[in-house]
């Protein structure tokens, strides 16, 4: 649960999944809006 709640608000919400998208995209070198970024975001938001 704490891994899914990195800002430690005591809840998991969509912003935590958005944050995960940003983190993974940055570390994979995906530019915001690129096909790779959009694919990653789509998969993560589907998980949410």
ModelCIF file with pLDDT and N, C-alpha, C, O atoms, coordinates in Angstrom:
data_MODEL
#
_entry.id   MODEL 
#
_entity.id                         1 
_entity.type                       polymer 
_entity.pdbx_number_of_molecules   1 
#
_entity_poly.entity_id                      1 
_entity_poly.type                           'polypeptide(L)' 
_entity_poly.nstd_linkage                   no 
_entity_poly.nstd_monomer                   no 
_entity_poly.pdbx_seq_one_letter_code       
;(UNK)(UNK)(UNK)(UNK)(UNK)(UNK)(UNK)(UNK)(UNK)(UNK)(UNK)(UNK)(UNK)(UNK)(UNK)(UNK)
(UNK)(UNK)(UNK)(UNK)(UNK)(UNK)(UNK)(UNK)(UNK)(UNK)(UNK)(UNK)(UNK)(UNK)(UNK)(UNK)
(UNK)(UNK)(UNK)(UNK)(UNK)(UNK)(UNK)(UNK)(UNK)(UNK)(UNK)(UNK)(UNK)(UNK)(UNK)(UNK)
;
_entity_poly.pdbx_seq_one_letter_code_can   XXXXXXXXXXXXXXXXXXXXXXXXXXXXXXXXXXXXXXXXXXXXXXXX 
_entity_poly.pdbx_strand_id                 A 
#
loop_
_entity_poly_seq.entity_id 
_entity_poly_seq.num 
_entity_poly_seq.mon_id 
_entity_poly_seq.hetero 
1 1  UNK n 
1 2  UNK n 
1 3  UNK n 
1 4  UNK n 
1 5  UNK n 
1 6  UNK n 
1 7  UNK n 
1 8  UNK n 
1 9  UNK n 
1 10 UNK n 
1 11 UNK n 
1 12 UNK n 
1 13 UNK n 
1 14 UNK n 
1 15 UNK n 
1 16 UNK n 
1 17 UNK n 
1 18 UNK n 
1 19 UNK n 
1 20 UNK n 
1 21 UNK n 
1 22 UNK n 
1 23 UNK n 
1 24 UNK n 
1 25 UNK n 
1 26 UNK n 
1 27 UNK n 
1 28 UNK n 
1 29 UNK n 
1 30 UNK n 
1 31 UNK n 
1 32 UNK n 
1 33 UNK n 
1 34 UNK n 
1 35 UNK n 
1 36 UNK n 
1 37 UNK n 
1 38 UNK n 
1 39 UNK n 
1 40 UNK n 
1 41 UNK n 
1 42 UNK n 
1 43 UNK n 
1 44 UNK n 
1 45 UNK n 
1 46 UNK n 
1 47 UNK n 
1 48 UNK n 
#
_struct_asym.id          A 
_struct_asym.entity_id   1 
#
loop_
_ma_qa_metric.id 
_ma_qa_metric.mode 
_ma_qa_metric.name 
_ma_qa_metric.software_group_id 
_ma_qa_metric.type 
1 global pLDDT . pLDDT 
2 local  pLDDT . pLDDT 
#
_ma_qa_metric_global.metric_id      1 
_ma_qa_metric_global.metric_value   96.92 
_ma_qa_metric_global.model_id       1 
_ma_qa_metric_global.ordinal_id     1 
#
loop_
_ma_qa_metric_local.label_asym_id 
_ma_qa_metric_local.label_comp_id 
_ma_qa_metric_local.label_seq_id 
_ma_qa_metric_local.metric_id 
_ma_qa_metric_local.metric_value 
_ma_qa_metric_local.model_id 
_ma_qa_metric_local.ordinal_id 
A UNK 1  2 97.00 1 1  
A UNK 2  2 97.00 1 2  
A UNK 3  2 95.00 1 3  
A UNK 4  2 95.00 1 4  
A UNK 5  2 96.00 1 5  
A UNK 6  2 92.00 1 6  
A UNK 7  2 93.00 1 7  
A UNK 8  2 95.00 1 8  
A UNK 9  2 96.00 1 9  
A UNK 10 2 97.00 1 10 
A UNK 11 2 98.00 1 11 
A UNK 12 2 98.00 1 12 
A UNK 13 2 98.00 1 13 
A UNK 14 2 97.00 1 14 
A UNK 15 2 97.00 1 15 
A UNK 16 2 97.00 1 16 
A UNK 17 2 97.00 1 17 
A UNK 18 2 97.00 1 18 
A UNK 19 2 96.00 1 19 
A UNK 20 2 96.00 1 20 
A UNK 21 2 97.00 1 21 
A UNK 22 2 96.00 1 22 
A UNK 23 2 96.00 1 23 
A UNK 24 2 97.00 1 24 
A UNK 25 2 98.00 1 25 
A UNK 26 2 97.00 1 26 
A UNK 27 2 98.00 1 27 
A UNK 28 2 98.00 1 28 
A UNK 29 2 98.00 1 29 
A UNK 30 2 98.00 1 30 
A UNK 31 2 97.00 1 31 
A UNK 32 2 95.00 1 32 
A UNK 33 2 96.00 1 33 
A UNK 34 2 97.00 1 34 
A UNK 35 2 98.00 1 35 
A UNK 36 2 98.00 1 36 
A UNK 37 2 98.00 1 37 
A UNK 38 2 98.00 1 38 
A UNK 39 2 98.00 1 39 
A UNK 40 2 98.00 1 40 
A UNK 41 2 98.00 1 41 
A UNK 42 2 98.00 1 42 
A UNK 43 2 98.00 1 43 
A UNK 44 2 98.00 1 44 
A UNK 45 2 98.00 1 45 
A UNK 46 2 98.00 1 46 
A UNK 47 2 97.00 1 47 
A UNK 48 2 97.00 1 48 
#
loop_
_atom_site.group_PDB 
_atom_site.id 
_atom_site.type_symbol 
_atom_site.label_atom_id 
_atom_site.label_alt_id 
_atom_site.label_comp_id 
_atom_site.label_asym_id 
_atom_site.label_entity_id 
_atom_site.label_seq_id 
_atom_site.pdbx_PDB_ins_code 
_atom_site.Cartn_x 
_atom_site.Cartn_y 
_atom_site.Cartn_z 
_atom_site.occupancy 
_atom_site.B_iso_or_equiv 
_atom_site.pdbx_formal_charge 
_atom_site.auth_seq_id 
_atom_site.auth_comp_id 
_atom_site.auth_asym_id 
_atom_site.auth_atom_id 
_atom_site.pdbx_PDB_model_num 
ATOM 1   N N  . UNK A 1 1  ? 0.835  -1.198 0.000   1.00 97.00 ? 1  UNK A N  1 
ATOM 2   C CA . UNK A 1 1  ? 0.000  0.000  0.000   1.00 97.00 ? 1  UNK A CA 1 
ATOM 3   C C  . UNK A 1 1  ? 0.872  1.252  0.000   1.00 97.00 ? 1  UNK A C  1 
ATOM 4   O O  . UNK A 1 1  ? 0.606  2.196  -0.744  1.00 97.00 ? 1  UNK A O  1 
ATOM 5   N N  . UNK A 1 2  ? 1.907  1.261  0.829   1.00 97.00 ? 2  UNK A N  1 
ATOM 6   C CA . UNK A 1 2  ? 2.788  2.425  0.911   1.00 97.00 ? 2  UNK A CA 1 
ATOM 7   C C  . UNK A 1 2  ? 3.536  2.669  -0.396  1.00 97.00 ? 2  UNK A C  1 
ATOM 8   O O  . UNK A 1 2  ? 3.845  3.815  -0.723  1.00 97.00 ? 2  UNK A O  1 
ATOM 9   N N  . UNK A 1 3  ? 3.831  1.609  -1.145  1.00 95.00 ? 3  UNK A N  1 
ATOM 10  C CA . UNK A 1 3  ? 4.456  1.790  -2.454  1.00 95.00 ? 3  UNK A CA 1 
ATOM 11  C C  . UNK A 1 3  ? 3.501  2.466  -3.430  1.00 95.00 ? 3  UNK A C  1 
ATOM 12  O O  . UNK A 1 3  ? 3.922  3.267  -4.264  1.00 95.00 ? 3  UNK A O  1 
ATOM 13  N N  . UNK A 1 4  ? 2.217  2.143  -3.326  1.00 95.00 ? 4  UNK A N  1 
ATOM 14  C CA . UNK A 1 4  ? 1.206  2.758  -4.188  1.00 95.00 ? 4  UNK A CA 1 
ATOM 15  C C  . UNK A 1 4  ? 0.848  4.170  -3.721  1.00 95.00 ? 4  UNK A C  1 
ATOM 16  O O  . UNK A 1 4  ? 0.218  4.925  -4.461  1.00 95.00 ? 4  UNK A O  1 
ATOM 17  N N  . UNK A 1 5  ? 1.240  4.524  -2.515  1.00 96.00 ? 5  UNK A N  1 
ATOM 18  C CA . UNK A 1 5  ? 0.932  5.841  -1.926  1.00 96.00 ? 5  UNK A CA 1 
ATOM 19  C C  . UNK A 1 5  ? 2.238  6.584  -1.639  1.00 96.00 ? 5  UNK A C  1 
ATOM 20  O O  . UNK A 1 5  ? 2.563  6.825  -0.476  1.00 96.00 ? 5  UNK A O  1 
ATOM 21  N N  . UNK A 1 6  ? 2.990  6.950  -2.676  1.00 92.00 ? 6  UNK A N  1 
ATOM 22  C CA . UNK A 1 6  ? 4.311  7.528  -2.449  1.00 92.00 ? 6  UNK A CA 1 
ATOM 23  C C  . UNK A 1 6  ? 4.294  8.892  -1.758  1.00 92.00 ? 6  UNK A C  1 
ATOM 24  O O  . UNK A 1 6  ? 5.281  9.268  -1.126  1.00 92.00 ? 6  UNK A O  1 
ATOM 25  N N  . UNK A 1 7  ? 3.197  9.635  -1.866  1.00 93.00 ? 7  UNK A N  1 
ATOM 26  C CA . UNK A 1 7  ? 3.125  10.932 -1.197  1.00 93.00 ? 7  UNK A CA 1 
ATOM 27  C C  . UNK A 1 7  ? 2.648  10.799 0.247   1.00 93.00 ? 7  UNK A C  1 
ATOM 28  O O  . UNK A 1 7  ? 2.537  11.788 0.971   1.00 93.00 ? 7  UNK A O  1 
ATOM 29  N N  . UNK A 1 8  ? 2.370  9.571  0.650   1.00 95.00 ? 8  UNK A N  1 
ATOM 30  C CA . UNK A 1 8  ? 1.997  9.225  2.020   1.00 95.00 ? 8  UNK A CA 1 
ATOM 31  C C  . UNK A 1 8  ? 0.822  10.042 2.554   1.00 95.00 ? 8  UNK A C  1 
ATOM 32  O O  . UNK A 1 8  ? 0.855  10.553 3.674   1.00 95.00 ? 8  UNK A O  1 
ATOM 33  N N  . UNK A 1 9  ? -0.209 10.153 1.731   1.00 96.00 ? 9  UNK A N  1 
ATOM 34  C CA . UNK A 1 9  ? -1.421 10.841 2.163   1.00 96.00 ? 9  UNK A CA 1 
ATOM 35  C C  . UNK A 1 9  ? -2.355 9.913  2.929   1.00 96.00 ? 9  UNK A C  1 
ATOM 36  O O  . UNK A 1 9  ? -3.325 10.358 3.542   1.00 96.00 ? 9  UNK A O  1 
ATOM 37  N N  . UNK A 1 10 ? -2.051 8.615  2.888   1.00 97.00 ? 10 UNK A N  1 
ATOM 38  C CA . UNK A 1 10 ? -2.918 7.647  3.545   1.00 97.00 ? 10 UNK A CA 1 
ATOM 39  C C  . UNK A 1 10 ? -3.998 7.105  2.634   1.00 97.00 ? 10 UNK A C  1 
ATOM 40  O O  . UNK A 1 10 ? -4.825 6.289  3.041   1.00 97.00 ? 10 UNK A O  1 
ATOM 41  N N  . UNK A 1 11 ? -3.982 7.573  1.383   1.00 98.00 ? 11 UNK A N  1 
ATOM 42  C CA . UNK A 1 11 ? -4.915 7.059  0.384   1.00 98.00 ? 11 UNK A CA 1 
ATOM 43  C C  . UNK A 1 11 ? -4.173 6.878  -0.933  1.00 98.00 ? 11 UNK A C  1 
ATOM 44  O O  . UNK A 1 11 ? -3.162 7.529  -1.198  1.00 98.00 ? 11 UNK A O  1 
ATOM 45  N N  . UNK A 1 12 ? -4.704 5.980  -1.744  1.00 98.00 ? 12 UNK A N  1 
ATOM 46  C CA . UNK A 1 12 ? -4.226 5.820  -3.113  1.00 98.00 ? 12 UNK A CA 1 
ATOM 47  C C  . UNK A 1 12 ? -5.289 6.457  -3.999  1.00 98.00 ? 12 UNK A C  1 
ATOM 48  O O  . UNK A 1 12 ? -6.481 6.186  -3.852  1.00 98.00 ? 12 UNK A O  1 
ATOM 49  N N  . UNK A 1 13 ? -4.844 7.309  -4.921  1.00 98.00 ? 13 UNK A N  1 
ATOM 50  C CA . UNK A 1 13 ? -5.805 7.929  -5.829  1.00 98.00 ? 13 UNK A CA 1 
ATOM 51  C C  . UNK A 1 13 ? -5.185 8.075  -7.215  1.00 98.00 ? 13 UNK A C  1 
ATOM 52  O O  . UNK A 1 13 ? -4.045 7.673  -7.445  1.00 98.00 ? 13 UNK A O  1 
ATOM 53  N N  . UNK A 1 14 ? -5.938 8.643  -8.110  1.00 97.00 ? 14 UNK A N  1 
ATOM 54  C CA . UNK A 1 14 ? -5.494 8.754  -9.491  1.00 97.00 ? 14 UNK A CA 1 
ATOM 55  C C  . UNK A 1 14 ? -4.191 9.537  -9.609  1.00 97.00 ? 14 UNK A C  1 
ATOM 56  O O  . UNK A 1 14 ? -3.368 9.228  -10.470 1.00 97.00 ? 14 UNK A O  1 
ATOM 57  N N  . UNK A 1 15 ? -3.993 10.524 -8.776  1.00 97.00 ? 15 UNK A N  1 
ATOM 58  C CA . UNK A 1 15 ? -2.763 11.315 -8.864  1.00 97.00 ? 15 UNK A CA 1 
ATOM 59  C C  . UNK A 1 15 ? -1.528 10.466 -8.567  1.00 97.00 ? 15 UNK A C  1 
ATOM 60  O O  . UNK A 1 15 ? -0.451 10.739 -9.098  1.00 97.00 ? 15 UNK A O  1 
ATOM 61  N N  . UNK A 1 16 ? -1.670 9.448  -7.732  1.00 97.00 ? 16 UNK A N  1 
ATOM 62  C CA . UNK A 1 16 ? -0.547 8.546  -7.468  1.00 97.00 ? 16 UNK A CA 1 
ATOM 63  C C  . UNK A 1 16 ? -0.185 7.766  -8.734  1.00 97.00 ? 16 UNK A C  1 
ATOM 64  O O  . UNK A 1 16 ? 0.990  7.513  -8.999  1.00 97.00 ? 16 UNK A O  1 
ATOM 65  N N  . UNK A 1 17 ? -1.185 7.396  -9.498  1.00 97.00 ? 17 UNK A N  1 
ATOM 66  C CA . UNK A 1 17 ? -0.942 6.689  -10.759 1.00 97.00 ? 17 UNK A CA 1 
ATOM 67  C C  . UNK A 1 17 ? -0.385 7.628  -11.822 1.00 97.00 ? 17 UNK A C  1 
ATOM 68  O O  . UNK A 1 17 ? 0.446  7.220  -12.634 1.00 97.00 ? 17 UNK A O  1 
ATOM 69  N N  . UNK A 1 18 ? -0.831 8.875  -11.824 1.00 97.00 ? 18 UNK A N  1 
ATOM 70  C CA . UNK A 1 18 ? -0.254 9.871  -12.727 1.00 97.00 ? 18 UNK A CA 1 
ATOM 71  C C  . UNK A 1 18 ? 1.222  10.081 -12.394 1.00 97.00 ? 18 UNK A C  1 
ATOM 72  O O  . UNK A 1 18 ? 2.061  10.187 -13.288 1.00 97.00 ? 18 UNK A O  1 
ATOM 73  N N  . UNK A 1 19 ? 1.528  10.139 -11.101 1.00 96.00 ? 19 UNK A N  1 
ATOM 74  C CA . UNK A 1 19 ? 2.901  10.310 -10.638 1.00 96.00 ? 19 UNK A CA 1 
ATOM 75  C C  . UNK A 1 19 ? 3.760  9.122  -11.083 1.00 96.00 ? 19 UNK A C  1 
ATOM 76  O O  . UNK A 1 19 ? 4.907  9.297  -11.496 1.00 96.00 ? 19 UNK A O  1 
ATOM 77  N N  . UNK A 1 20 ? 3.200  7.925  -10.996 1.00 96.00 ? 20 UNK A N  1 
ATOM 78  C CA . UNK A 1 20 ? 3.925  6.728  -11.433 1.00 96.00 ? 20 UNK A CA 1 
ATOM 79  C C  . UNK A 1 20 ? 4.216  6.815  -12.934 1.00 96.00 ? 20 UNK A C  1 
ATOM 80  O O  . UNK A 1 20 ? 5.304  6.452  -13.382 1.00 96.00 ? 20 UNK A O  1 
ATOM 81  N N  . UNK A 1 21 ? 3.248  7.294  -13.699 1.00 97.00 ? 21 UNK A N  1 
ATOM 82  C CA . UNK A 1 21 ? 3.457  7.450  -15.136 1.00 97.00 ? 21 UNK A CA 1 
ATOM 83  C C  . UNK A 1 21 ? 4.628  8.392  -15.400 1.00 97.00 ? 21 UNK A C  1 
ATOM 84  O O  . UNK A 1 21 ? 5.515  8.076  -16.193 1.00 97.00 ? 21 UNK A O  1 
ATOM 85  N N  . UNK A 1 22 ? 4.632  9.542  -14.740 1.00 96.00 ? 22 UNK A N  1 
ATOM 86  C CA . UNK A 1 22 ? 5.698  10.519 -14.926 1.00 96.00 ? 22 UNK A CA 1 
ATOM 87  C C  . UNK A 1 22 ? 7.059  9.937  -14.559 1.00 96.00 ? 22 UNK A C  1 
ATOM 88  O O  . UNK A 1 22 ? 8.036  10.117 -15.287 1.00 96.00 ? 22 UNK A O  1 
ATOM 89  N N  . UNK A 1 23 ? 7.117  9.242  -13.430 1.00 96.00 ? 23 UNK A N  1 
ATOM 90  C CA . UNK A 1 23 ? 8.371  8.655  -12.959 1.00 96.00 ? 23 UNK A CA 1 
ATOM 91  C C  . UNK A 1 23 ? 8.905  7.635  -13.962 1.00 96.00 ? 23 UNK A C  1 
ATOM 92  O O  . UNK A 1 23 ? 10.070 7.693  -14.356 1.00 96.00 ? 23 UNK A O  1 
ATOM 93  N N  . UNK A 1 24 ? 8.048  6.703  -14.370 1.00 97.00 ? 24 UNK A N  1 
ATOM 94  C CA . UNK A 1 24 ? 8.494  5.665  -15.294 1.00 97.00 ? 24 UNK A CA 1 
ATOM 95  C C  . UNK A 1 24 ? 8.866  6.241  -16.653 1.00 97.00 ? 24 UNK A C  1 
ATOM 96  O O  . UNK A 1 24 ? 9.862  5.832  -17.249 1.00 97.00 ? 24 UNK A O  1 
ATOM 97  N N  . UNK A 1 25 ? 8.080  7.180  -17.142 1.00 98.00 ? 25 UNK A N  1 
ATOM 98  C CA . UNK A 1 25 ? 8.382  7.796  -18.438 1.00 98.00 ? 25 UNK A CA 1 
ATOM 99  C C  . UNK A 1 25 ? 9.729  8.503  -18.399 1.00 98.00 ? 25 UNK A C  1 
ATOM 100 O O  . UNK A 1 25 ? 10.531 8.382  -19.325 1.00 98.00 ? 25 UNK A O  1 
ATOM 101 N N  . UNK A 1 26 ? 9.968  9.232  -17.336 1.00 97.00 ? 26 UNK A N  1 
ATOM 102 C CA . UNK A 1 26 ? 11.233 9.951  -17.196 1.00 97.00 ? 26 UNK A CA 1 
ATOM 103 C C  . UNK A 1 26 ? 12.409 8.980  -17.179 1.00 97.00 ? 26 UNK A C  1 
ATOM 104 O O  . UNK A 1 26 ? 13.418 9.200  -17.850 1.00 97.00 ? 26 UNK A O  1 
ATOM 105 N N  . UNK A 1 27 ? 12.271 7.914  -16.414 1.00 98.00 ? 27 UNK A N  1 
ATOM 106 C CA . UNK A 1 27 ? 13.371 6.960  -16.297 1.00 98.00 ? 27 UNK A CA 1 
ATOM 107 C C  . UNK A 1 27 ? 13.557 6.094  -17.539 1.00 98.00 ? 27 UNK A C  1 
ATOM 108 O O  . UNK A 1 27 ? 14.618 5.499  -17.725 1.00 98.00 ? 27 UNK A O  1 
ATOM 109 N N  . UNK A 1 28 ? 12.556 6.022  -18.371 1.00 98.00 ? 28 UNK A N  1 
ATOM 110 C CA . UNK A 1 28 ? 12.675 5.282  -19.632 1.00 98.00 ? 28 UNK A CA 1 
ATOM 111 C C  . UNK A 1 28 ? 13.020 6.192  -20.806 1.00 98.00 ? 28 UNK A C  1 
ATOM 112 O O  . UNK A 1 28 ? 13.238 5.729  -21.925 1.00 98.00 ? 28 UNK A O  1 
ATOM 113 N N  . UNK A 1 29 ? 13.067 7.486  -20.534 1.00 98.00 ? 29 UNK A N  1 
ATOM 114 C CA . UNK A 1 29 ? 13.415 8.440  -21.572 1.00 98.00 ? 29 UNK A CA 1 
ATOM 115 C C  . UNK A 1 29 ? 12.283 8.750  -22.532 1.00 98.00 ? 29 UNK A C  1 
ATOM 116 O O  . UNK A 1 29 ? 12.530 9.159  -23.667 1.00 98.00 ? 29 UNK A O  1 
ATOM 117 N N  . UNK A 1 30 ? 11.040 8.561  -22.095 1.00 98.00 ? 30 UNK A N  1 
ATOM 118 C CA . UNK A 1 30 ? 9.887  8.856  -22.949 1.00 98.00 ? 30 UNK A CA 1 
ATOM 119 C C  . UNK A 1 30 ? 9.529  10.328 -22.809 1.00 98.00 ? 30 UNK A C  1 
ATOM 120 O O  . UNK A 1 30 ? 9.402  10.844 -21.699 1.00 98.00 ? 30 UNK A O  1 
ATOM 121 N N  . UNK A 1 31 ? 9.371  10.980 -23.919 1.00 97.00 ? 31 UNK A N  1 
ATOM 122 C CA . UNK A 1 31 ? 8.966  12.380 -23.903 1.00 97.00 ? 31 UNK A CA 1 
ATOM 123 C C  . UNK A 1 31 ? 7.462  12.478 -23.727 1.00 97.00 ? 31 UNK A C  1 
ATOM 124 O O  . UNK A 1 31 ? 6.707  11.667 -24.263 1.00 97.00 ? 31 UNK A O  1 
ATOM 125 N N  . UNK A 1 32 ? 7.033  13.481 -22.970 1.00 95.00 ? 32 UNK A N  1 
ATOM 126 C CA . UNK A 1 32 ? 5.599  13.712 -22.755 1.00 95.00 ? 32 UNK A CA 1 
ATOM 127 C C  . UNK A 1 32 ? 4.911  13.863 -24.112 1.00 95.00 ? 32 UNK A C  1 
ATOM 128 O O  . UNK A 1 32 ? 5.322  14.681 -24.935 1.00 95.00 ? 32 UNK A O  1 
ATOM 129 N N  . UNK A 1 33 ? 3.875  13.078 -24.334 1.00 96.00 ? 33 UNK A N  1 
ATOM 130 C CA . UNK A 1 33 ? 3.135  13.142 -25.585 1.00 96.00 ? 33 UNK A CA 1 
ATOM 131 C C  . UNK A 1 33 ? 3.621  12.176 -26.649 1.00 96.00 ? 33 UNK A C  1 
ATOM 132 O O  . UNK A 1 33 ? 2.954  11.999 -27.668 1.00 96.00 ? 33 UNK A O  1 
ATOM 133 N N  . UNK A 1 34 ? 4.771  11.546 -26.435 1.00 97.00 ? 34 UNK A N  1 
ATOM 134 C CA . UNK A 1 34 ? 5.280  10.588 -27.420 1.00 97.00 ? 34 UNK A CA 1 
ATOM 135 C C  . UNK A 1 34 ? 4.404  9.335  -27.417 1.00 97.00 ? 34 UNK A C  1 
ATOM 136 O O  . UNK A 1 34 ? 3.689  9.086  -26.447 1.00 97.00 ? 34 UNK A O  1 
ATOM 137 N N  . UNK A 1 35 ? 4.453  8.546  -28.491 1.00 98.00 ? 35 UNK A N  1 
ATOM 138 C CA . UNK A 1 35 ? 3.658  7.316  -28.514 1.00 98.00 ? 35 UNK A CA 1 
ATOM 139 C C  . UNK A 1 35 ? 3.997  6.383  -27.348 1.00 98.00 ? 35 UNK A C  1 
ATOM 140 O O  . UNK A 1 35 ? 3.106  5.742  -26.792 1.00 98.00 ? 35 UNK A O  1 
ATOM 141 N N  . UNK A 1 36 ? 5.268  6.305  -26.980 1.00 98.00 ? 36 UNK A N  1 
ATOM 142 C CA . UNK A 1 36 ? 5.666  5.449  -25.860 1.00 98.00 ? 36 UNK A CA 1 
ATOM 143 C C  . UNK A 1 36 ? 5.061  5.947  -24.542 1.00 98.00 ? 36 UNK A C  1 
ATOM 144 O O  . UNK A 1 36 ? 4.567  5.165  -23.730 1.00 98.00 ? 36 UNK A O  1 
ATOM 145 N N  . UNK A 1 37 ? 5.114  7.261  -24.356 1.00 98.00 ? 37 UNK A N  1 
ATOM 146 C CA . UNK A 1 37 ? 4.540  7.863  -23.154 1.00 98.00 ? 37 UNK A CA 1 
ATOM 147 C C  . UNK A 1 37 ? 3.034  7.616  -23.097 1.00 98.00 ? 37 UNK A C  1 
ATOM 148 O O  . UNK A 1 37 ? 2.507  7.217  -22.058 1.00 98.00 ? 37 UNK A O  1 
ATOM 149 N N  . UNK A 1 38 ? 2.348  7.852  -24.202 1.00 98.00 ? 38 UNK A N  1 
ATOM 150 C CA . UNK A 1 38 ? 0.893  7.686  -24.227 1.00 98.00 ? 38 UNK A CA 1 
ATOM 151 C C  . UNK A 1 38 ? 0.492  6.233  -23.988 1.00 98.00 ? 38 UNK A C  1 
ATOM 152 O O  . UNK A 1 38 ? -0.503 5.969  -23.313 1.00 98.00 ? 38 UNK A O  1 
ATOM 153 N N  . UNK A 1 39 ? 1.259  5.289  -24.536 1.00 98.00 ? 39 UNK A N  1 
ATOM 154 C CA . UNK A 1 39 ? 0.993  3.875  -24.310 1.00 98.00 ? 39 UNK A CA 1 
ATOM 155 C C  . UNK A 1 39 ? 1.184  3.521  -22.839 1.00 98.00 ? 39 UNK A C  1 
ATOM 156 O O  . UNK A 1 39 ? 0.352  2.834  -22.246 1.00 98.00 ? 39 UNK A O  1 
ATOM 157 N N  . UNK A 1 40 ? 2.284  3.994  -22.253 1.00 98.00 ? 40 UNK A N  1 
ATOM 158 C CA . UNK A 1 40 ? 2.553  3.748  -20.836 1.00 98.00 ? 40 UNK A CA 1 
ATOM 159 C C  . UNK A 1 40 ? 1.440  4.335  -19.974 1.00 98.00 ? 40 UNK A C  1 
ATOM 160 O O  . UNK A 1 40 ? 0.944  3.671  -19.064 1.00 98.00 ? 40 UNK A O  1 
ATOM 161 N N  . UNK A 1 41 ? 1.048  5.569  -20.252 1.00 98.00 ? 41 UNK A N  1 
ATOM 162 C CA . UNK A 1 41 ? -0.003 6.217  -19.469 1.00 98.00 ? 41 UNK A CA 1 
ATOM 163 C C  . UNK A 1 41 ? -1.313 5.454  -19.580 1.00 98.00 ? 41 UNK A C  1 
ATOM 164 O O  . UNK A 1 41 ? -2.011 5.266  -18.584 1.00 98.00 ? 41 UNK A O  1 
ATOM 165 N N  . UNK A 1 42 ? -1.646 5.019  -20.774 1.00 98.00 ? 42 UNK A N  1 
ATOM 166 C CA . UNK A 1 42 ? -2.885 4.279  -20.974 1.00 98.00 ? 42 UNK A CA 1 
ATOM 167 C C  . UNK A 1 42 ? -2.891 3.003  -20.130 1.00 98.00 ? 42 UNK A C  1 
ATOM 168 O O  . UNK A 1 42 ? -3.901 2.686  -19.503 1.00 98.00 ? 42 UNK A O  1 
ATOM 169 N N  . UNK A 1 43 ? -1.785 2.276  -20.109 1.00 98.00 ? 43 UNK A N  1 
ATOM 170 C CA . UNK A 1 43 ? -1.723 1.036  -19.331 1.00 98.00 ? 43 UNK A CA 1 
ATOM 171 C C  . UNK A 1 43 ? -1.806 1.305  -17.828 1.00 98.00 ? 43 UNK A C  1 
ATOM 172 O O  . UNK A 1 43 ? -2.500 0.589  -17.106 1.00 98.00 ? 43 UNK A O  1 
ATOM 173 N N  . UNK A 1 44 ? -1.111 2.319  -17.366 1.00 98.00 ? 44 UNK A N  1 
ATOM 174 C CA . UNK A 1 44 ? -1.124 2.629  -15.935 1.00 98.00 ? 44 UNK A CA 1 
ATOM 175 C C  . UNK A 1 44 ? -2.495 3.133  -15.502 1.00 98.00 ? 44 UNK A C  1 
ATOM 176 O O  . UNK A 1 44 ? -2.982 2.757  -14.436 1.00 98.00 ? 44 UNK A O  1 
ATOM 177 N N  . UNK A 1 45 ? -3.117 3.973  -16.308 1.00 98.00 ? 45 UNK A N  1 
ATOM 178 C CA . UNK A 1 45 ? -4.433 4.486  -15.932 1.00 98.00 ? 45 UNK A CA 1 
ATOM 179 C C  . UNK A 1 45 ? -5.499 3.383  -15.996 1.00 98.00 ? 45 UNK A C  1 
ATOM 180 O O  . UNK A 1 45 ? -6.475 3.421  -15.247 1.00 98.00 ? 45 UNK A O  1 
ATOM 181 N N  . UNK A 1 46 ? -5.315 2.418  -16.875 1.00 98.00 ? 46 UNK A N  1 
ATOM 182 C CA . UNK A 1 46 ? -6.227 1.272  -16.893 1.00 98.00 ? 46 UNK A CA 1 
ATOM 183 C C  . UNK A 1 46 ? -6.098 0.506  -15.579 1.00 98.00 ? 46 UNK A C  1 
ATOM 184 O O  . UNK A 1 46 ? -7.096 0.043  -15.026 1.00 98.00 ? 46 UNK A O  1 
ATOM 185 N N  . UNK A 1 47 ? -4.868 0.372  -15.079 1.00 97.00 ? 47 UNK A N  1 
ATOM 186 C CA . UNK A 1 47 ? -4.669 -0.263 -13.774 1.00 97.00 ? 47 UNK A CA 1 
ATOM 187 C C  . UNK A 1 47 ? -5.423 0.501  -12.687 1.00 97.00 ? 47 UNK A C  1 
ATOM 188 O O  . UNK A 1 47 ? -6.068 -0.106 -11.833 1.00 97.00 ? 47 UNK A O  1 
ATOM 189 N N  . UNK A 1 48 ? -5.342 1.838  -12.721 1.00 97.00 ? 48 UNK A N  1 
ATOM 190 C CA . UNK A 1 48 ? -6.059 2.649  -11.734 1.00 97.00 ? 48 UNK A CA 1 
ATOM 191 C C  . UNK A 1 48 ? -7.570 2.400  -11.821 1.00 97.00 ? 48 UNK A C  1 
ATOM 192 O O  . UNK A 1 48 ? -8.338 2.996  -11.066 1.00 97.00 ? 48 UNK A O  1 
#
